[in-house]
C-alpha atoms as a PDB file:
ATOM      1  CA  MET A   1      55.401  15.342 124.693  1.00  0.00           C
ATOM      2  CA  THR A   2      52.393  16.941 122.622  1.00  0.00           C
ATOM      3  CA  GLU A   3      49.523  14.378 121.059  1.00  0.00           C
ATOM      4  CA  GLN A   4      50.183  13.435 118.044  1.00  0.00           C
ATOM      5  CA  VAL A   5      46.769  14.234 115.083  1.00  0.00           C
ATOM      6  CA  HIS A   6      47.335  11.406 111.943  1.00  0.00           C
ATOM      7  CA  ILE A   7      44.632  12.793 108.755  1.00  0.00           C
ATOM      8  CA  TYR A   8      44.158  10.859 105.407  1.00  0.00           C
ATOM      9  CA  THR A   9      42.024  12.449 103.017  1.00  0.00           C
ATOM     10  CA  ASP A  10      41.514  11.733  99.382  1.00  0.00           C
ATOM     11  CA  GLY A  11      39.083  13.490  97.317  1.00  0.00           C
ATOM     12  CA  ALA A  12      36.988  11.243  93.681  1.00  0.00           C
ATOM     13  CA  CYS A  13      35.476  13.020  90.978  1.00  0.00           C
ATOM     14  CA  ARG A  14      32.706  11.387  88.504  1.00  0.00           C
ATOM     15  CA  GLY A  15      34.285  13.478  86.023  1.00  0.00           C
ATOM     16  CA  ASN A  16      36.499  16.318  85.383  1.00  0.00           C
ATOM     17  CA  PRO A  17      34.141  18.912  86.364  1.00  0.00           C
ATOM     18  CA  GLY A  18      31.553  16.683  87.820  1.00  0.00           C
ATOM     19  CA  PRO A  19      29.643  14.851  90.644  1.00  0.00           C
ATOM     20  CA  GLY A  20      32.993  14.795  93.688  1.00  0.00           C
ATOM     21  CA  GLY A  21      33.517  13.570  97.219  1.00  0.00           C
ATOM     22  CA  TYR A  22      35.824  13.775  99.825  1.00  0.00           C
ATOM     23  CA  GLY A  23      36.750  11.436 102.459  1.00  0.00           C
ATOM     24  CA  ILE A  24      38.958  11.914 105.387  1.00  0.00           C
ATOM     25  CA  VAL A  25      39.877   9.329 108.387  1.00  0.00           C
ATOM     26  CA  MET A  26      41.729  11.134 111.126  1.00  0.00           C
ATOM     27  CA  GLU A  27      43.581   9.163 114.292  1.00  0.00           C
ATOM     28  CA  TRP A  28      44.550  10.147 117.436  1.00  0.00           C
ATOM     29  CA  VAL A  29      47.648   7.962 118.065  1.00  0.00           C
ATOM     30  CA  GLY A  30      48.184   6.087 120.941  1.00  0.00           C
ATOM     31  CA  LYS A  31      44.785   6.132 121.787  1.00  0.00           C
ATOM     32  CA  PRO A  32      41.651   3.886 120.565  1.00  0.00           C
ATOM     33  CA  TYR A  33      39.616   8.115 118.993  1.00  0.00           C
ATOM     34  CA  LYS A  34      38.973   7.888 115.590  1.00  0.00           C
ATOM     35  CA  LYS A  35      36.886   9.857 113.106  1.00  0.00           C
ATOM     36  CA  GLU A  36      35.831   9.635 109.344  1.00  0.00           C
ATOM     37  CA  PHE A  37      33.346  12.925 107.409  1.00  0.00           C
ATOM     38  CA  SER A  38      32.823  12.552 103.860  1.00  0.00           C
ATOM     39  CA  GLU A  39      30.588  14.878 101.243  1.00  0.00           C
ATOM     40  CA  GLY A  40      29.561  15.082  97.874  1.00  0.00           C
ATOM     41  CA  TYR A  41      29.094  17.808  95.714  1.00  0.00           C
ATOM     42  CA  LEU A  42      27.235  18.237  92.501  1.00  0.00           C
ATOM     43  CA  ARG A  43      29.882  19.312  89.767  1.00  0.00           C
ATOM     44  CA  THR A  44      33.419  20.047  91.236  1.00  0.00           C
ATOM     45  CA  THR A  45      37.316  18.764  90.874  1.00  0.00           C
ATOM     46  CA  ASN A  46      39.217  16.450  91.642  1.00  0.00           C
ATOM     47  CA  ASN A  47      42.255  18.905  92.839  1.00  0.00           C
ATOM     48  CA  ARG A  48      38.847  21.302  94.956  1.00  0.00           C
ATOM     49  CA  MET A  49      37.698  17.508  96.763  1.00  0.00           C
ATOM     50  CA  GLU A  50      41.242  16.836  97.602  1.00  0.00           C
ATOM     51  CA  LEU A  51      42.198  20.581  99.195  1.00  0.00           C
ATOM     52  CA  LEU A  52      38.474  20.487 100.197  1.00  0.00           C
ATOM     53  CA  ALA A  53      39.613  17.129 102.493  1.00  0.00           C
ATOM     54  CA  VAL A  54      42.425  18.300 104.036  1.00  0.00           C
ATOM     55  CA  ILE A  55      40.726  22.193 105.454  1.00  0.00           C
ATOM     56  CA  VAL A  56      37.274  20.714 106.851  1.00  0.00           C
ATOM     57  CA  ALA A  57      40.231  17.705 108.431  1.00  0.00           C
ATOM     58  CA  LEU A  58      41.998  20.602 110.170  1.00  0.00           C
ATOM     59  CA  GLU A  59      38.400  22.789 111.256  1.00  0.00           C
ATOM     60  CA  GLN A  60      37.612  19.295 112.935  1.00  0.00           C
ATOM     61  CA  LEU A  61      40.478  19.736 115.059  1.00  0.00           C
ATOM     62  CA  LYS A  62      39.002  20.904 118.659  1.00  0.00           C
ATOM     63  CA  PHE A  63      42.655  21.828 120.082  1.00  0.00           C
ATOM     64  CA  GLU A  64      45.693  23.217 119.078  1.00  0.00           C
ATOM     65  CA  ASN A  65      49.900  23.005 119.518  1.00  0.00           C
ATOM     66  CA  LEU A  66      48.810  19.437 118.212  1.00  0.00           C
ATOM     67  CA  ASP A  67      51.169  17.528 116.316  1.00  0.00           C
ATOM     68  CA  ILE A  68      49.775  16.710 113.156  1.00  0.00           C
ATOM     69  CA  THR A  69      50.881  14.666 110.366  1.00  0.00           C
ATOM     70  CA  VAL A  70      48.380  15.072 107.118  1.00  0.00           C
ATOM     71  CA  TYR A  71      48.245  12.023 104.519  1.00  0.00           C
ATOM     72  CA  SER A  72      47.793  12.787 100.758  1.00  0.00           C
ATOM     73  CA  ASP A  73      47.648  11.133  97.114  1.00  0.00           C
ATOM     74  CA  SER A  74      47.308  14.489  96.263  1.00  0.00           C
ATOM     75  CA  LYS A  75      50.094  16.046  94.600  1.00  0.00           C
ATOM     76  CA  TYR A  76      48.914  19.457  94.255  1.00  0.00           C
ATOM     77  CA  VAL A  77      47.994  19.218  97.214  1.00  0.00           C
ATOM     78  CA  THR A  78      51.009  17.864  99.107  1.00  0.00           C
ATOM     79  CA  GLU A  79      53.458  19.196  96.412  1.00  0.00           C
ATOM     80  CA  ALA A  80      51.943  23.370  97.325  1.00  0.00           C
ATOM     81  CA  ILE A  81      53.040  23.009 100.528  1.00  0.00           C
ATOM     82  CA  ASN A  82      56.123  20.449 100.705  1.00  0.00           C
ATOM     83  CA  GLN A  83      57.604  22.832  97.919  1.00  0.00           C
ATOM     84  CA  ASP A  84      57.047  26.237  99.396  1.00  0.00           C
ATOM     85  CA  TRP A  85      54.745  27.397  96.344  1.00  0.00           C
ATOM     86  CA  LEU A  86      51.736  28.319  99.691  1.00  0.00           C
ATOM     87  CA  TYR A  87      53.600  31.655 100.644  1.00  0.00           C
ATOM     88  CA  LYS A  88      54.490  32.426  97.019  1.00  0.00           C
ATOM     89  CA  TRP A  89      50.853  32.406  95.615  1.00  0.00           C
ATOM     90  CA  LYS A  90      49.110  34.048  99.246  1.00  0.00           C
ATOM     91  CA  ARG A  91      52.064  36.620  98.409  1.00  0.00           C
ATOM     92  CA  ARG A  92      50.173  37.312  94.697  1.00  0.00           C
ATOM     93  CA  ARG A  93      46.946  37.190  96.643  1.00  0.00           C
ATOM     94  CA  TYR A  94      46.426  34.116  95.306  1.00  0.00           C
ATOM     95  CA  ALA A  95      46.133  36.018  91.622  1.00  0.00           C
ATOM     96  CA  ASN A  96      46.613  32.811  88.891  1.00  0.00           C
ATOM     97  CA  VAL A  97      45.890  30.427  91.034  1.00  0.00           C
ATOM     98  CA  LYS A  98      43.258  27.277  90.641  1.00  0.00           C
ATOM     99  CA  ASN A  99      40.676  27.085  93.329  1.00  0.00           C
ATOM    100  CA  PRO A 100      41.568  30.441  95.192  1.00  0.00           C
ATOM    101  CA  ASP A 101      38.724  30.763  97.268  1.00  0.00           C
ATOM    102  CA  LEU A 102      39.825  26.787  99.115  1.00  0.00           C
ATOM    103  CA  TRP A 103      43.598  28.228  99.506  1.00  0.00           C
ATOM    104  CA  ARG A 104      42.453  31.554 100.905  1.00  0.00           C
ATOM    105  CA  ARG A 105      40.093  29.048 103.616  1.00  0.00           C
ATOM    106  CA  PHE A 106      43.587  26.871 103.844  1.00  0.00           C
ATOM    107  CA  MET A 107      45.976  29.593 104.370  1.00  0.00           C
ATOM    108  CA  PRO A 108      44.639  30.949 108.697  1.00  0.00           C
ATOM    109  CA  LEU A 109      44.064  26.594 108.785  1.00  0.00           C
ATOM    110  CA  TYR A 110      47.658  26.160 108.105  1.00  0.00           C
ATOM    111  CA  GLU A 111      49.455  28.608 110.322  1.00  0.00           C
ATOM    112  CA  LYS A 112      47.785  27.459 113.243  1.00  0.00           C
ATOM    113  CA  HIS A 113      47.557  24.141 113.230  1.00  0.00           C
ATOM    114  CA  LYS A 114      50.877  23.840 111.397  1.00  0.00           C
ATOM    115  CA  PRO A 115      50.716  20.449 109.926  1.00  0.00           C
ATOM    116  CA  LYS A 116      53.435  18.106 107.995  1.00  0.00           C
ATOM    117  CA  PHE A 117      52.211  17.033 104.787  1.00  0.00           C
ATOM    118  CA  ILE A 118      53.265  13.413 103.483  1.00  0.00           C
ATOM    119  CA  TRP A 119      52.425  11.769 100.129  1.00  0.00           C
ATOM    120  CA  ILE A 120      51.653   8.634 100.049  1.00  0.00           C
ATOM    121  CA  LYS A 121      50.401   6.416  96.645  1.00  0.00           C
ATOM    122  CA  GLY A 122      46.944   6.411  95.885  1.00  0.00           C
ATOM    123  CA  HIS A 123      45.690   2.914  95.222  1.00  0.00           C
ATOM    124  CA  ASN A 124      48.731   0.895  96.713  1.00  0.00           C
ATOM    125  CA  ASP A 125      47.141  -0.670  99.148  1.00  0.00           C
ATOM    126  CA  HIS A 126      47.500   1.931 102.411  1.00  0.00           C
ATOM    127  CA  PRO A 127      44.460   0.974 104.776  1.00  0.00           C
ATOM    128  CA  GLN A 128      43.746   4.783 105.894  1.00  0.00           C
ATOM    129  CA  ASN A 129      44.123   6.453 101.959  1.00  0.00           C
ATOM    130  CA  GLU A 130      41.481   3.534 100.911  1.00  0.00           C
ATOM    131  CA  ARG A 131      38.731   3.859 102.943  1.00  0.00           C
ATOM    132  CA  CYS A 132      39.173   7.587 101.959  1.00  0.00           C
ATOM    133  CA  ASP A 133      38.560   6.770  98.695  1.00  0.00           C
ATOM    134  CA  GLN A 134      35.742   4.326  99.195  1.00  0.00           C
ATOM    135  CA  LEU A 135      34.302   7.860 101.100  1.00  0.00           C
ATOM    136  CA  ALA A 136      34.927   9.684  98.892  1.00  0.00           C
ATOM    137  CA  VAL A 137      33.109   7.837  95.583  1.00  0.00           C
ATOM    138  CA  ALA A 138      30.297   6.862  98.051  1.00  0.00           C
ATOM    139  CA  ALA A 139      29.746  10.738  98.770  1.00  0.00           C
ATOM    140  CA  SER A 140      30.466  11.694  95.517  1.00  0.00           C
ATOM    141  CA  GLN A 141      27.485   9.639  94.671  1.00  0.00           C
ATOM    142  CA  LYS A 142      24.699  10.405  97.058  1.00  0.00           C
ATOM    143  CA  LYS A 143      21.267  12.131  95.978  1.00  0.00           C
ATOM    144  CA  ASN A 144      21.510  14.861  97.158  1.00  0.00           C
ATOM    145  CA  LEU A 145      25.258  16.353  96.664  1.00  0.00           C
ATOM    146  CA  LEU A 146      25.637  19.650  97.590  1.00  0.00           C
ATOM    147  CA  LEU A 147      26.335  22.632  95.625  1.00  0.00           C
ATOM    148  CA  ASP A 148      30.285  23.940  95.003  1.00  0.00           C
ATOM    149  CA  THR A 149      29.679  27.286  95.802  1.00  0.00           C
ATOM    150  CA  GLY A 150      33.450  28.490  95.009  1.00  0.00           C
ATOM    151  CA  PHE A 151      33.588  26.297  91.590  1.00  0.00           C
ATOM    152  CA  GLU A 152      30.591  27.764  90.491  1.00  0.00           C
ATOM    153  CA  ALA A 153      31.670  31.347  91.002  1.00  0.00           C
ATOM    154  CA  ASP A 154      35.038  30.190  89.361  1.00  0.00           C
ATOM    155  CA  LYS A 155      33.456  28.614  87.047  1.00  0.00           C
ATOM    156  CA  SER A 156      30.927  31.684  85.942  1.00  0.00           C
ATOM    157  CA  THR A 157      34.057  33.798  85.109  1.00  0.00           C
ATOM    158  CA  LEU A 158      35.344  31.891  82.666  1.00  0.00           C
ATOM    159  CA  PHE A 159      32.539  32.317  80.697  1.00  0.00           C
END
């Protein structure tokens, strides 16, 4: 029987762009194992934080061949995978796609772990999603926020 891991993620942004953060809850199904992660950024977007949360969670996995389900309230993230947009973007080398730096970082993790993605409605009393939201909001309010270099680099090409 394959071991199951459930990953819950959320992103938050105060202004869009503005200070933002992500929150992650990871649970090993059937075991008393749970981890939480969060980080905040000085200037970013909500979609970047939603996607970065998934990336960081997948980067935390120490084992392969797990049955992984990612629960996210981000249609931006879940539809990119479930609607098969991701491989079309990859074939086009992420041309005309928002956040190409993050999608490039995500793709090898996705291909390695092959997680399933399930959209859940945000702010709907889902305990793990609510916890992720709390972590993301708190991270966005920290004093020493990180620089989202991918956002800054992409922004500089627009002006």
